[in-house]
């Protein structure tokens, strides 16, 4: 039963590769039949579990409620999408976002739920580090606007350089990953080589300090929650 459940969960999640917009598109009828088959298997698995579990215990378990709601939402969305296709009305399969619920909430997925709960419990504790990082990013973006915005600099493509605050925030956010380095700093470097100190300071503070701190906080808190979580808490 566990192997069958995991197979249909994998099949259900894989449908995103074949549904519009798809990497390998298949006819709507084929994907809809496969999805209905997966949902029927999930419903049968849930019905079987209800028959071997006390009535009060079954309905108090939030995992079962989540699975039933996910099945209902998926069937409703599939029916609405199919009707709209008959009238050539474009729509979006919004129920795809609920498909991971099947992976998390079945009884066999105890270890996945444990990891998921550890991540959920870790998020509030890393919020402060994330806010500090965002504050640093916004302040550097404001400094960049004041330093370069009035210089009438242009990029290699002839576009205005660092004159829009939101675009500056995005460019510096990408610079944290060093994906646009050194291109992002070349117009300022061509104007004056001293401006490279600004970008060097930004990379040192945000890439090497904040990202390392962020990783350490995430790792330590996740490990802490994973250790203190009792084995029965996942059920």
C-alpha atoms as a PDB file:
ATOM      1  CA  UNK A   1       0.000   0.000   0.000  1.00  0.00           C
ATOM      2  CA  UNK A   2       2.835   2.372   0.788  1.00  0.00           C
ATOM      3  CA  UNK A   3       4.493   1.751  -2.577  1.00  0.00           C
ATOM      4  CA  UNK A   4       1.206   2.258  -4.419  1.00  0.00           C
ATOM      5  CA  UNK A   5       0.516   5.472  -2.496  1.00  0.00           C
ATOM      6  CA  UNK A   6       3.944   6.914  -3.253  1.00  0.00           C
ATOM      7  CA  UNK A   7       3.656   5.948  -6.920  1.00  0.00           C
ATOM      8  CA  UNK A   8       0.401   7.836  -7.382  1.00  0.00           C
ATOM      9  CA  UNK A   9       1.694  10.808  -5.382  1.00  0.00           C
ATOM     10  CA  UNK A  10       4.693  10.927  -7.729  1.00  0.00           C
ATOM     11  CA  UNK A  11       2.406  10.585 -10.752  1.00  0.00           C
ATOM     12  CA  UNK A  12       0.142  13.368  -9.477  1.00  0.00           C
ATOM     13  CA  UNK A  13       3.068  15.736  -8.928  1.00  0.00           C
ATOM     14  CA  UNK A  14       4.561  14.835 -12.325  1.00  0.00           C
ATOM     15  CA  UNK A  15       1.428  15.956 -14.149  1.00  0.00           C
ATOM     16  CA  UNK A  16       2.704  19.543 -13.957  1.00  0.00           C
ATOM     17  CA  UNK A  17       5.258  18.594 -16.640  1.00  0.00           C
ATOM     18  CA  UNK A  18       2.515  17.630 -19.094  1.00  0.00           C
ATOM     19  CA  UNK A  19      -0.265  20.156 -18.367  1.00  0.00           C
ATOM     20  CA  UNK A  20      -0.494  23.536 -20.068  1.00  0.00           C
ATOM     21  CA  UNK A  21       1.844  25.362 -19.962  1.00  0.00           C
ATOM     22  CA  UNK A  22       3.903  22.202 -20.198  1.00  0.00           C
ATOM     23  CA  UNK A  23       7.421  21.052 -20.885  1.00  0.00           C
ATOM     24  CA  UNK A  24       6.073  17.969 -22.690  1.00  0.00           C
ATOM     25  CA  UNK A  25       2.414  18.780 -23.472  1.00  0.00           C
ATOM     26  CA  UNK A  26      -0.175  16.006 -23.490  1.00  0.00           C
ATOM     27  CA  UNK A  27      -3.867  16.230 -24.426  1.00  0.00           C
ATOM     28  CA  UNK A  28      -6.088  17.585 -21.681  1.00  0.00           C
ATOM     29  CA  UNK A  29      -8.123  14.389 -21.655  1.00  0.00           C
ATOM     30  CA  UNK A  30      -5.046  12.281 -20.901  1.00  0.00           C
ATOM     31  CA  UNK A  31      -3.819  14.448 -18.021  1.00  0.00           C
ATOM     32  CA  UNK A  32      -7.319  14.840 -16.561  1.00  0.00           C
ATOM     33  CA  UNK A  33      -7.910  11.060 -16.607  1.00  0.00           C
ATOM     34  CA  UNK A  34      -4.588  10.474 -14.856  1.00  0.00           C
ATOM     35  CA  UNK A  35      -5.378  13.124 -12.254  1.00  0.00           C
ATOM     36  CA  UNK A  36      -8.829  11.687 -11.562  1.00  0.00           C
ATOM     37  CA  UNK A  37      -7.245   8.240 -11.216  1.00  0.00           C
ATOM     38  CA  UNK A  38      -4.736   9.602  -8.674  1.00  0.00           C
ATOM     39  CA  UNK A  39      -7.479  11.364  -6.718  1.00  0.00           C
ATOM     40  CA  UNK A  40      -9.595   8.183  -6.659  1.00  0.00           C
ATOM     41  CA  UNK A  41      -6.612   6.251  -5.286  1.00  0.00           C
ATOM     42  CA  UNK A  42      -6.090   8.905  -2.604  1.00  0.00           C
ATOM     43  CA  UNK A  43      -9.784   8.822  -1.737  1.00  0.00           C
ATOM     44  CA  UNK A  44      -9.725   5.027  -1.543  1.00  0.00           C
ATOM     45  CA  UNK A  45      -6.639   5.131   0.655  1.00  0.00           C
ATOM     46  CA  UNK A  46      -8.342   7.619   2.942  1.00  0.00           C
ATOM     47  CA  UNK A  47     -11.556   5.570   3.048  1.00  0.00           C
ATOM     48  CA  UNK A  48      -9.594   2.457   3.945  1.00  0.00           C
ATOM     49  CA  UNK A  49      -7.846   4.356   6.719  1.00  0.00           C
ATOM     50  CA  UNK A  50     -11.212   5.594   8.029  1.00  0.00           C
ATOM     51  CA  UNK A  51     -12.533   2.032   8.279  1.00  0.00           C
ATOM     52  CA  UNK A  52      -9.641   0.833  10.457  1.00  0.00           C
ATOM     53  CA  UNK A  53      -9.563   3.942  12.677  1.00  0.00           C
ATOM     54  CA  UNK A  54     -11.902   5.069  15.397  1.00  0.00           C
ATOM     55  CA  UNK A  55     -14.413   7.616  14.137  1.00  0.00           C
ATOM     56  CA  UNK A  56     -13.434  10.299  16.646  1.00  0.00           C
ATOM     57  CA  UNK A  57      -9.729   9.786  16.038  1.00  0.00           C
ATOM     58  CA  UNK A  58     -10.121   9.986  12.271  1.00  0.00           C
ATOM     59  CA  UNK A  59     -12.021  13.283  12.249  1.00  0.00           C
ATOM     60  CA  UNK A  60      -9.729  14.908  14.810  1.00  0.00           C
ATOM     61  CA  UNK A  61      -6.661  14.239  12.666  1.00  0.00           C
ATOM     62  CA  UNK A  62      -5.930  17.361  10.619  1.00  0.00           C
ATOM     63  CA  UNK A  63      -3.987  15.299   8.077  1.00  0.00           C
ATOM     64  CA  UNK A  64      -7.176  13.577   6.967  1.00  0.00           C
ATOM     65  CA  UNK A  65      -9.054  16.861   6.735  1.00  0.00           C
ATOM     66  CA  UNK A  66      -6.272  18.365   4.614  1.00  0.00           C
ATOM     67  CA  UNK A  67      -6.349  15.414   2.208  1.00  0.00           C
ATOM     68  CA  UNK A  68     -10.130  15.578   1.827  1.00  0.00           C
ATOM     69  CA  UNK A  69     -10.050  19.326   1.202  1.00  0.00           C
ATOM     70  CA  UNK A  70      -7.221  18.895  -1.333  1.00  0.00           C
ATOM     71  CA  UNK A  71      -9.196  16.199  -3.196  1.00  0.00           C
ATOM     72  CA  UNK A  72     -12.322  18.370  -3.247  1.00  0.00           C
ATOM     73  CA  UNK A  73     -10.427  21.431  -4.469  1.00  0.00           C
ATOM     74  CA  UNK A  74      -8.625  19.467  -7.162  1.00  0.00           C
ATOM     75  CA  UNK A  75     -11.844  17.908  -8.505  1.00  0.00           C
ATOM     76  CA  UNK A  76     -13.628  21.270  -8.459  1.00  0.00           C
ATOM     77  CA  UNK A  77     -10.792  23.002 -10.253  1.00  0.00           C
ATOM     78  CA  UNK A  78     -10.545  20.205 -12.825  1.00  0.00           C
ATOM     79  CA  UNK A  79     -14.281  20.377 -13.547  1.00  0.00           C
ATOM     80  CA  UNK A  80     -14.292  24.178 -13.869  1.00  0.00           C
ATOM     81  CA  UNK A  81     -11.206  24.120 -16.082  1.00  0.00           C
ATOM     82  CA  UNK A  82     -12.746  21.474 -18.325  1.00  0.00           C
ATOM     83  CA  UNK A  83     -16.001  23.422 -18.725  1.00  0.00           C
ATOM     84  CA  UNK A  84     -14.117  26.620 -19.552  1.00  0.00           C
ATOM     85  CA  UNK A  85     -12.073  24.785 -22.186  1.00  0.00           C
ATOM     86  CA  UNK A  86     -15.301  23.720 -23.913  1.00  0.00           C
ATOM     87  CA  UNK A  87     -16.157  27.408 -24.351  1.00  0.00           C
ATOM     88  CA  UNK A  88     -12.572  28.336 -25.370  1.00  0.00           C
ATOM     89  CA  UNK A  89     -12.035  30.386 -22.220  1.00  0.00           C
ATOM     90  CA  UNK A  90      -8.451  30.460 -20.987  1.00  0.00           C
ATOM     91  CA  UNK A  91      -7.962  29.763 -17.292  1.00  0.00           C
ATOM     92  CA  UNK A  92      -5.311  28.586 -14.833  1.00  0.00           C
ATOM     93  CA  UNK A  93      -5.173  25.336 -12.875  1.00  0.00           C
ATOM     94  CA  UNK A  94      -4.829  26.959  -9.456  1.00  0.00           C
ATOM     95  CA  UNK A  95      -5.250  23.641  -7.617  1.00  0.00           C
ATOM     96  CA  UNK A  96      -1.715  22.557  -8.563  1.00  0.00           C
ATOM     97  CA  UNK A  97      -0.410  24.297  -5.464  1.00  0.00           C
ATOM     98  CA  UNK A  98      -2.327  21.865  -3.223  1.00  0.00           C
ATOM     99  CA  UNK A  99      -0.769  18.737  -4.720  1.00  0.00           C
ATOM    100  CA  UNK A 100       2.205  18.650  -2.286  1.00  0.00           C
ATOM    101  CA  UNK A 101      -0.394  18.272   0.486  1.00  0.00           C
ATOM    102  CA  UNK A 102      -0.789  14.629  -0.535  1.00  0.00           C
ATOM    103  CA  UNK A 103       2.950  14.062  -0.151  1.00  0.00           C
ATOM    104  CA  UNK A 104       3.036  15.623   3.317  1.00  0.00           C
ATOM    105  CA  UNK A 105      -0.172  14.428   4.969  1.00  0.00           C
ATOM    106  CA  UNK A 106      -0.406  10.720   4.278  1.00  0.00           C
ATOM    107  CA  UNK A 107       0.468   8.560   7.279  1.00  0.00           C
ATOM    108  CA  UNK A 108       3.456   7.023   5.478  1.00  0.00           C
ATOM    109  CA  UNK A 109       5.131  10.426   5.106  1.00  0.00           C
ATOM    110  CA  UNK A 110       6.147  10.799   8.737  1.00  0.00           C
ATOM    111  CA  UNK A 111       9.730  11.838   8.005  1.00  0.00           C
ATOM    112  CA  UNK A 112       8.632  14.375   5.390  1.00  0.00           C
ATOM    113  CA  UNK A 113       6.206  15.936   7.886  1.00  0.00           C
ATOM    114  CA  UNK A 114       8.935  16.042  10.475  1.00  0.00           C
ATOM    115  CA  UNK A 115      11.223  17.936   8.118  1.00  0.00           C
ATOM    116  CA  UNK A 116       8.354  20.205   7.059  1.00  0.00           C
ATOM    117  CA  UNK A 117       7.509  21.065  10.675  1.00  0.00           C
ATOM    118  CA  UNK A 118      11.144  21.760  11.436  1.00  0.00           C
ATOM    119  CA  UNK A 119      11.275  24.188   8.519  1.00  0.00           C
ATOM    120  CA  UNK A 120       8.023  25.823   9.641  1.00  0.00           C
ATOM    121  CA  UNK A 121       9.290  26.236  13.205  1.00  0.00           C
ATOM    122  CA  UNK A 122      12.587  27.627  11.947  1.00  0.00           C
ATOM    123  CA  UNK A 123      11.048  30.386   9.817  1.00  0.00           C
ATOM    124  CA  UNK A 124      10.041  32.758  12.663  1.00  0.00           C
ATOM    125  CA  UNK A 125      13.516  32.583  14.170  1.00  0.00           C
ATOM    126  CA  UNK A 126      15.316  33.543  10.954  1.00  0.00           C
ATOM    127  CA  UNK A 127      12.974  36.472  10.312  1.00  0.00           C
ATOM    128  CA  UNK A 128      15.185  38.891  12.265  1.00  0.00           C
ATOM    129  CA  UNK A 129      18.277  38.029  10.218  1.00  0.00           C
ATOM    130  CA  UNK A 130      16.284  38.321   7.015  1.00  0.00           C
ATOM    131  CA  UNK A 131      14.943  41.746   8.050  1.00  0.00           C
ATOM    132  CA  UNK A 132      18.473  42.937   8.809  1.00  0.00           C
ATOM    133  CA  UNK A 133      19.614  41.736   5.400  1.00  0.00           C
ATOM    134  CA  UNK A 134      16.724  43.528   3.686  1.00  0.00           C
ATOM    135  CA  UNK A 135      17.488  46.694   5.659  1.00  0.00           C
ATOM    136  CA  UNK A 136      21.112  46.538   4.510  1.00  0.00           C
ATOM    137  CA  UNK A 137      20.019  45.942   0.901  1.00  0.00           C
ATOM    138  CA  UNK A 138      17.598  48.882   0.972  1.00  0.00           C
ATOM    139  CA  UNK A 139      20.176  51.202   2.530  1.00  0.00           C
ATOM    140  CA  UNK A 140      22.838  50.297  -0.016  1.00  0.00           C
ATOM    141  CA  UNK A 141      20.266  50.813  -2.778  1.00  0.00           C
ATOM    142  CA  UNK A 142      19.482  54.272  -1.416  1.00  0.00           C
ATOM    143  CA  UNK A 143      23.192  55.116  -1.288  1.00  0.00           C
ATOM    144  CA  UNK A 144      23.604  53.876  -4.858  1.00  0.00           C
ATOM    145  CA  UNK A 145      20.752  56.107  -5.980  1.00  0.00           C
ATOM    146  CA  UNK A 146      22.392  59.134  -4.362  1.00  0.00           C
ATOM    147  CA  UNK A 147      25.871  58.272  -5.663  1.00  0.00           C
ATOM    148  CA  UNK A 148      25.043  57.384  -9.261  1.00  0.00           C
ATOM    149  CA  UNK A 149      21.538  58.658  -9.949  1.00  0.00           C
ATOM    150  CA  UNK A 150      22.628  62.222 -10.697  1.00  0.00           C
ATOM    151  CA  UNK A 151      25.723  61.299 -12.758  1.00  0.00           C
ATOM    152  CA  UNK A 152      23.705  60.572 -15.940  1.00  0.00           C
ATOM    153  CA  UNK A 153      25.553  57.290 -16.356  1.00  0.00           C
ATOM    154  CA  UNK A 154      24.441  54.654 -18.834  1.00  0.00           C
ATOM    155  CA  UNK A 155      24.831  50.916 -19.124  1.00  0.00           C
ATOM    156  CA  UNK A 156      26.541  49.208 -22.056  1.00  0.00           C
ATOM    157  CA  UNK A 157      23.104  48.932 -23.708  1.00  0.00           C
ATOM    158  CA  UNK A 158      22.562  52.692 -23.414  1.00  0.00           C
ATOM    159  CA  UNK A 159      19.985  52.443 -20.621  1.00  0.00           C
ATOM    160  CA  UNK A 160      19.882  54.754 -17.568  1.00  0.00           C
ATOM    161  CA  UNK A 161      22.170  53.491 -14.825  1.00  0.00           C
ATOM    162  CA  UNK A 162      20.921  53.365 -11.218  1.00  0.00           C
ATOM    163  CA  UNK A 163      18.211  56.022 -11.551  1.00  0.00           C
ATOM    164  CA  UNK A 164      15.200  53.952 -10.481  1.00  0.00           C
ATOM    165  CA  UNK A 165      15.185  52.851  -6.843  1.00  0.00           C
ATOM    166  CA  UNK A 166      13.294  49.577  -7.373  1.00  0.00           C
ATOM    167  CA  UNK A 167      15.587  48.595 -10.237  1.00  0.00           C
ATOM    168  CA  UNK A 168      18.582  49.350  -8.032  1.00  0.00           C
ATOM    169  CA  UNK A 169      17.189  47.100  -5.303  1.00  0.00           C
ATOM    170  CA  UNK A 170      16.760  44.286  -7.810  1.00  0.00           C
ATOM    171  CA  UNK A 171      20.252  44.742  -9.316  1.00  0.00           C
ATOM    172  CA  UNK A 172      21.907  44.746  -5.909  1.00  0.00           C
ATOM    173  CA  UNK A 173      19.840  41.753  -4.829  1.00  0.00           C
ATOM    174  CA  UNK A 174      21.209  39.893  -7.857  1.00  0.00           C
ATOM    175  CA  UNK A 175      24.687  41.109  -6.939  1.00  0.00           C
ATOM    176  CA  UNK A 176      24.370  39.251  -3.630  1.00  0.00           C
ATOM    177  CA  UNK A 177      24.554  36.073  -5.715  1.00  0.00           C
ATOM    178  CA  UNK A 178      27.395  37.642  -7.816  1.00  0.00           C
ATOM    179  CA  UNK A 179      25.442  36.618 -10.943  1.00  0.00           C
ATOM    180  CA  UNK A 180      25.746  40.110 -12.471  1.00  0.00           C
ATOM    181  CA  UNK A 181      29.260  40.832 -11.243  1.00  0.00           C
ATOM    182  CA  UNK A 182      31.222  42.741 -12.483  1.00  0.00           C
ATOM    183  CA  UNK A 183      28.793  44.001 -15.175  1.00  0.00           C
ATOM    184  CA  UNK A 184      26.647  45.863 -12.646  1.00  0.00           C
ATOM    185  CA  UNK A 185      29.554  48.019 -11.504  1.00  0.00           C
ATOM    186  CA  UNK A 186      31.265  48.730 -14.839  1.00  0.00           C
ATOM    187  CA  UNK A 187      29.464  52.027 -15.650  1.00  0.00           C
ATOM    188  CA  UNK A 188      30.460  53.376 -12.222  1.00  0.00           C
ATOM    189  CA  UNK A 189      34.001  52.025 -12.616  1.00  0.00           C
ATOM    190  CA  UNK A 190      34.360  53.714 -16.010  1.00  0.00           C
ATOM    191  CA  UNK A 191      33.310  57.001 -14.421  1.00  0.00           C
ATOM    192  CA  UNK A 192      35.660  56.642 -11.454  1.00  0.00           C
ATOM    193  CA  UNK A 193      37.574  53.628 -10.206  1.00  0.00           C
ATOM    194  CA  UNK A 194      36.961  54.766  -6.612  1.00  0.00           C
ATOM    195  CA  UNK A 195      33.305  53.754  -6.916  1.00  0.00           C
ATOM    196  CA  UNK A 196      34.360  50.117  -6.868  1.00  0.00           C
ATOM    197  CA  UNK A 197      34.812  50.533  -3.092  1.00  0.00           C
ATOM    198  CA  UNK A 198      31.038  50.845  -2.806  1.00  0.00           C
ATOM    199  CA  UNK A 199      30.471  47.511  -4.534  1.00  0.00           C
ATOM    200  CA  UNK A 200      33.312  45.820  -2.653  1.00  0.00           C
ATOM    201  CA  UNK A 201      31.787  46.934   0.648  1.00  0.00           C
ATOM    202  CA  UNK A 202      28.369  45.738  -0.493  1.00  0.00           C
ATOM    203  CA  UNK A 203      29.651  42.281  -1.439  1.00  0.00           C
ATOM    204  CA  UNK A 204      31.646  41.877   1.780  1.00  0.00           C
ATOM    205  CA  UNK A 205      28.746  42.874   4.033  1.00  0.00           C
ATOM    206  CA  UNK A 206      25.840  41.204   2.243  1.00  0.00           C
ATOM    207  CA  UNK A 207      27.354  38.238   0.405  1.00  0.00           C
ATOM    208  CA  UNK A 208      30.097  37.120   2.775  1.00  0.00           C
ATOM    209  CA  UNK A 209      28.737  38.237   6.149  1.00  0.00           C
ATOM    210  CA  UNK A 210      24.938  38.249   5.918  1.00  0.00           C
ATOM    211  CA  UNK A 211      24.644  35.138   3.736  1.00  0.00           C
ATOM    212  CA  UNK A 212      26.982  33.201   6.005  1.00  0.00           C
ATOM    213  CA  UNK A 213      25.085  34.411   9.066  1.00  0.00           C
ATOM    214  CA  UNK A 214      21.780  33.559   7.424  1.00  0.00           C
ATOM    215  CA  UNK A 215      22.968  30.036   6.591  1.00  0.00           C
ATOM    216  CA  UNK A 216      24.285  29.499  10.128  1.00  0.00           C
ATOM    217  CA  UNK A 217      21.002  30.621  11.725  1.00  0.00           C
ATOM    218  CA  UNK A 218      18.939  28.424   9.409  1.00  0.00           C
ATOM    219  CA  UNK A 219      21.134  25.377   9.994  1.00  0.00           C
ATOM    220  CA  UNK A 220      21.372  25.720  13.778  1.00  0.00           C
ATOM    221  CA  UNK A 221      17.657  26.358  14.293  1.00  0.00           C
ATOM    222  CA  UNK A 222      16.611  23.592  11.924  1.00  0.00           C
ATOM    223  CA  UNK A 223      18.913  21.135  13.689  1.00  0.00           C
ATOM    224  CA  UNK A 224      17.595  22.260  17.077  1.00  0.00           C
ATOM    225  CA  UNK A 225      13.956  21.730  16.110  1.00  0.00           C
ATOM    226  CA  UNK A 226      14.750  18.412  14.467  1.00  0.00           C
ATOM    227  CA  UNK A 227      16.410  17.142  17.658  1.00  0.00           C
ATOM    228  CA  UNK A 228      13.834  18.334  20.181  1.00  0.00           C
ATOM    229  CA  UNK A 229      10.807  17.208  18.168  1.00  0.00           C
ATOM    230  CA  UNK A 230       9.414  13.992  19.717  1.00  0.00           C
ATOM    231  CA  UNK A 231       8.784  11.099  17.400  1.00  0.00           C
ATOM    232  CA  UNK A 232       5.066  11.074  18.099  1.00  0.00           C
ATOM    233  CA  UNK A 233       4.630  14.774  17.408  1.00  0.00           C
ATOM    234  CA  UNK A 234       4.621  14.204  13.668  1.00  0.00           C
ATOM    235  CA  UNK A 235       1.440  12.105  13.845  1.00  0.00           C
END
